[in-house]
């Protein structure tokens, strides 16, 4: 197994990609969206962090978080989010994955891939590139033609504060190599 080390800067800002097990398209059903919103509120209450940007696609999530000063433990937050989501969504009829003996031994459910992708944001340019990647992702995947049309995203919030123009991304973007992970 590779000796992978995660970035751990207290108070840092991080980009994450979290994917469903076997790429099941279960995240954009109404029950999933409401459940995730409730879980985020609960986890933020216990382990504060700021959600800077978020997009939920059918089989994965991209987001930017900033942790509080002195805190670098995003893993506990993701563990709680994934565990609670799995518990609350057990009966979701869209779940088609089958539990394998190996996943059962590790006490893994059939909703999430085991790990998640994380990238520590280095500077303002990196932040902006990942913010753009998050908000353009539904267009990249062919789900909508314009970022404003995807309802499971923080894009509209950023249009409201004039970070983005409403028509941003409508003409297509040349996304930078190495930004994001899917």
Protein backbone atom coordinates (compact mmCIF):
# COMPACT_ATOMS: atom_id res chain seq x y z
CA UNK A 1 0.00 0.00 0.00
CA UNK A 2 1.36 3.46 -0.85
CA UNK A 3 2.65 5.60 1.95
CA UNK A 4 0.33 8.56 1.31
CA UNK A 5 0.47 11.58 3.61
CA UNK A 6 -2.38 14.01 3.80
CA UNK A 7 -1.82 17.75 4.09
CA UNK A 8 -2.48 18.93 7.64
CA UNK A 9 -2.33 22.68 8.15
CA UNK A 10 -4.39 23.98 11.08
CA UNK A 11 -6.88 26.56 9.85
CA UNK A 12 -6.19 25.59 6.25
CA UNK A 13 -8.51 25.61 3.27
CA UNK A 14 -8.99 22.33 1.43
CA UNK A 15 -10.61 21.05 -1.75
CA UNK A 16 -12.29 17.65 -1.46
CA UNK A 17 -13.77 15.09 -3.81
CA UNK A 18 -15.92 12.38 -2.24
CA UNK A 19 -17.33 9.64 -4.48
CA UNK A 20 -20.09 7.08 -4.04
CA UNK A 21 -19.26 3.39 -4.02
CA UNK A 22 -19.33 2.00 -7.57
CA UNK A 23 -20.30 5.49 -8.76
CA UNK A 24 -23.93 4.98 -7.78
CA UNK A 25 -25.99 8.02 -8.91
CA UNK A 26 -27.78 8.47 -5.58
CA UNK A 27 -26.71 11.89 -4.31
CA UNK A 28 -29.09 14.17 -6.23
CA UNK A 29 -32.35 12.55 -5.20
CA UNK A 30 -34.42 14.82 -2.97
CA UNK A 31 -34.00 12.66 0.14
CA UNK A 32 -30.20 12.61 -0.26
CA UNK A 33 -29.91 16.39 -0.64
CA UNK A 34 -32.04 17.11 2.43
CA UNK A 35 -30.24 14.47 4.47
CA UNK A 36 -26.80 15.81 3.55
CA UNK A 37 -27.86 19.37 4.44
CA UNK A 38 -29.04 18.21 7.88
CA UNK A 39 -25.89 16.18 8.51
CA UNK A 40 -23.65 19.10 7.55
CA UNK A 41 -25.46 21.33 10.03
CA UNK A 42 -25.01 18.71 12.78
CA UNK A 43 -21.32 18.13 12.07
CA UNK A 44 -20.57 21.86 11.82
CA UNK A 45 -22.19 22.33 15.21
CA UNK A 46 -19.90 19.71 16.79
CA UNK A 47 -16.78 20.30 14.67
CA UNK A 48 -16.97 23.81 13.20
CA UNK A 49 -15.73 24.58 9.71
CA UNK A 50 -16.72 26.90 6.89
CA UNK A 51 -18.12 25.50 3.65
CA UNK A 52 -16.71 27.90 1.05
CA UNK A 53 -18.17 26.12 -1.99
CA UNK A 54 -20.08 22.93 -2.71
CA UNK A 55 -21.47 20.99 -5.63
CA UNK A 56 -23.36 17.72 -5.42
CA UNK A 57 -23.48 15.62 -8.57
CA UNK A 58 -25.27 12.27 -8.90
CA UNK A 59 -22.22 10.21 -7.88
CA UNK A 60 -19.76 12.60 -6.25
CA UNK A 61 -19.28 15.81 -4.29
CA UNK A 62 -16.69 18.56 -4.68
CA UNK A 63 -16.25 21.18 -2.00
CA UNK A 64 -13.95 23.76 -0.43
CA UNK A 65 -13.71 23.95 3.35
CA UNK A 66 -11.82 26.23 5.70
CA UNK A 67 -11.07 24.79 9.12
CA UNK A 68 -10.84 26.86 12.31
CA UNK A 69 -7.49 28.18 13.52
CA UNK A 70 -5.58 25.44 15.30
CA UNK A 71 -7.65 22.62 13.75
CA UNK A 72 -6.53 20.38 10.89
CA UNK A 73 -8.79 17.36 11.40
CA UNK A 74 -10.99 17.27 8.33
CA UNK A 75 -10.90 13.45 8.42
CA UNK A 76 -13.11 13.27 11.53
CA UNK A 77 -15.61 15.54 9.83
CA UNK A 78 -15.73 13.39 6.69
CA UNK A 79 -15.96 10.22 8.77
CA UNK A 80 -18.96 11.61 10.65
CA UNK A 81 -20.65 12.89 7.48
CA UNK A 82 -20.20 9.61 5.61
CA UNK A 83 -21.17 7.44 8.59
CA UNK A 84 -24.32 9.41 9.38
CA UNK A 85 -25.36 9.66 5.73
CA UNK A 86 -24.95 5.89 5.36
CA UNK A 87 -27.01 5.28 8.49
CA UNK A 88 -29.83 7.61 7.45
CA UNK A 89 -29.96 6.47 3.82
CA UNK A 90 -29.95 2.70 4.39
CA UNK A 91 -33.37 2.15 2.83
CA UNK A 92 -32.86 4.33 -0.25
CA UNK A 93 -34.26 2.33 -3.17
CA UNK A 94 -31.72 3.75 -5.66
CA UNK A 95 -28.83 1.94 -3.93
CA UNK A 96 -27.88 -0.97 -6.19
CA UNK A 97 -24.40 -1.84 -4.91
CA UNK A 98 -23.76 -5.18 -3.28
CA UNK A 99 -21.80 -5.53 -0.05
CA UNK A 100 -18.62 -7.54 -0.58
CA UNK A 101 -17.05 -9.69 2.14
CA UNK A 102 -13.97 -7.42 2.17
CA UNK A 103 -16.06 -4.28 2.70
CA UNK A 104 -18.10 -6.06 5.34
CA UNK A 105 -14.93 -7.07 7.24
CA UNK A 106 -13.82 -3.42 7.23
CA UNK A 107 -17.32 -2.37 8.34
CA UNK A 108 -17.76 -0.29 5.19
CA UNK A 109 -21.19 0.38 3.82
CA UNK A 110 -22.33 0.41 0.21
CA UNK A 111 -22.76 4.16 -0.23
CA UNK A 112 -19.24 5.69 -0.22
CA UNK A 113 -15.86 4.85 -1.64
CA UNK A 114 -13.43 4.15 1.18
CA UNK A 115 -11.32 7.27 0.89
CA UNK A 116 -11.64 10.82 -0.37
CA UNK A 117 -9.41 13.12 -2.38
CA UNK A 118 -8.04 16.20 -0.63
CA UNK A 119 -5.91 19.10 -1.83
CA UNK A 120 -4.68 21.91 0.37
CA UNK A 121 -5.28 25.32 -1.20
CA UNK A 122 -1.97 27.13 -1.63
CA UNK A 123 -2.93 30.70 -2.53
CA UNK A 124 -5.64 32.93 -4.01
CA UNK A 125 -5.08 31.66 -7.57
CA UNK A 126 -5.40 28.05 -6.39
CA UNK A 127 -8.55 28.97 -4.44
CA UNK A 128 -10.12 30.63 -7.49
CA UNK A 129 -9.17 27.72 -9.78
CA UNK A 130 -10.82 25.21 -7.45
CA UNK A 131 -13.85 27.43 -6.93
CA UNK A 132 -14.27 27.59 -10.72
CA UNK A 133 -13.75 23.83 -11.03
CA UNK A 134 -16.47 23.14 -8.47
CA UNK A 135 -19.00 25.43 -10.11
CA UNK A 136 -18.27 24.35 -13.68
CA UNK A 137 -18.37 20.61 -12.86
CA UNK A 138 -22.08 20.03 -13.68
CA UNK A 139 -21.43 21.49 -17.16
CA UNK A 140 -18.28 19.38 -17.56
CA UNK A 141 -20.34 16.25 -16.86
CA UNK A 142 -23.06 17.25 -19.32
CA UNK A 143 -25.75 17.67 -16.67
CA UNK A 144 -26.54 21.26 -17.65
CA UNK A 145 -25.34 23.75 -20.26
CA UNK A 146 -24.76 26.59 -17.78
CA UNK A 147 -23.57 26.53 -14.14
CA UNK A 148 -26.54 28.68 -13.07
CA UNK A 149 -28.89 25.87 -14.12
CA UNK A 150 -27.52 23.32 -11.61
CA UNK A 151 -29.47 23.63 -8.37
CA UNK A 152 -27.18 21.49 -6.16
CA UNK A 153 -24.35 23.99 -6.09
CA UNK A 154 -23.21 27.09 -4.26
CA UNK A 155 -22.87 28.89 -7.62
CA UNK A 156 -26.05 30.95 -7.21
CA UNK A 157 -24.88 32.18 -3.80
CA UNK A 158 -21.73 33.50 -5.47
CA UNK A 159 -23.78 35.15 -8.23
CA UNK A 160 -25.79 36.90 -5.50
CA UNK A 161 -22.63 38.37 -3.95
CA UNK A 162 -21.29 39.21 -7.45
CA UNK A 163 -18.29 36.87 -7.32
CA UNK A 164 -19.60 35.38 -10.58
CA UNK A 165 -21.72 36.85 -13.32
CA UNK A 166 -24.92 34.87 -13.95
CA UNK A 167 -23.67 33.94 -17.43
CA UNK A 168 -20.26 32.69 -16.25
CA UNK A 169 -19.32 29.36 -17.78
CA UNK A 170 -21.97 29.48 -20.51
CA UNK A 171 -19.36 29.68 -23.26
CA UNK A 172 -17.32 26.81 -21.86
CA UNK A 173 -14.05 26.96 -19.99
CA UNK A 174 -10.57 25.67 -20.53
CA UNK A 175 -10.09 24.09 -17.12
CA UNK A 176 -6.56 23.90 -15.83
CA UNK A 177 -4.81 20.55 -15.83
CA UNK A 178 -4.45 19.10 -12.37
CA UNK A 179 -7.40 20.91 -10.81
CA UNK A 180 -9.92 18.61 -9.21
CA UNK A 181 -9.97 14.87 -9.07
CA UNK A 182 -12.58 12.36 -10.21
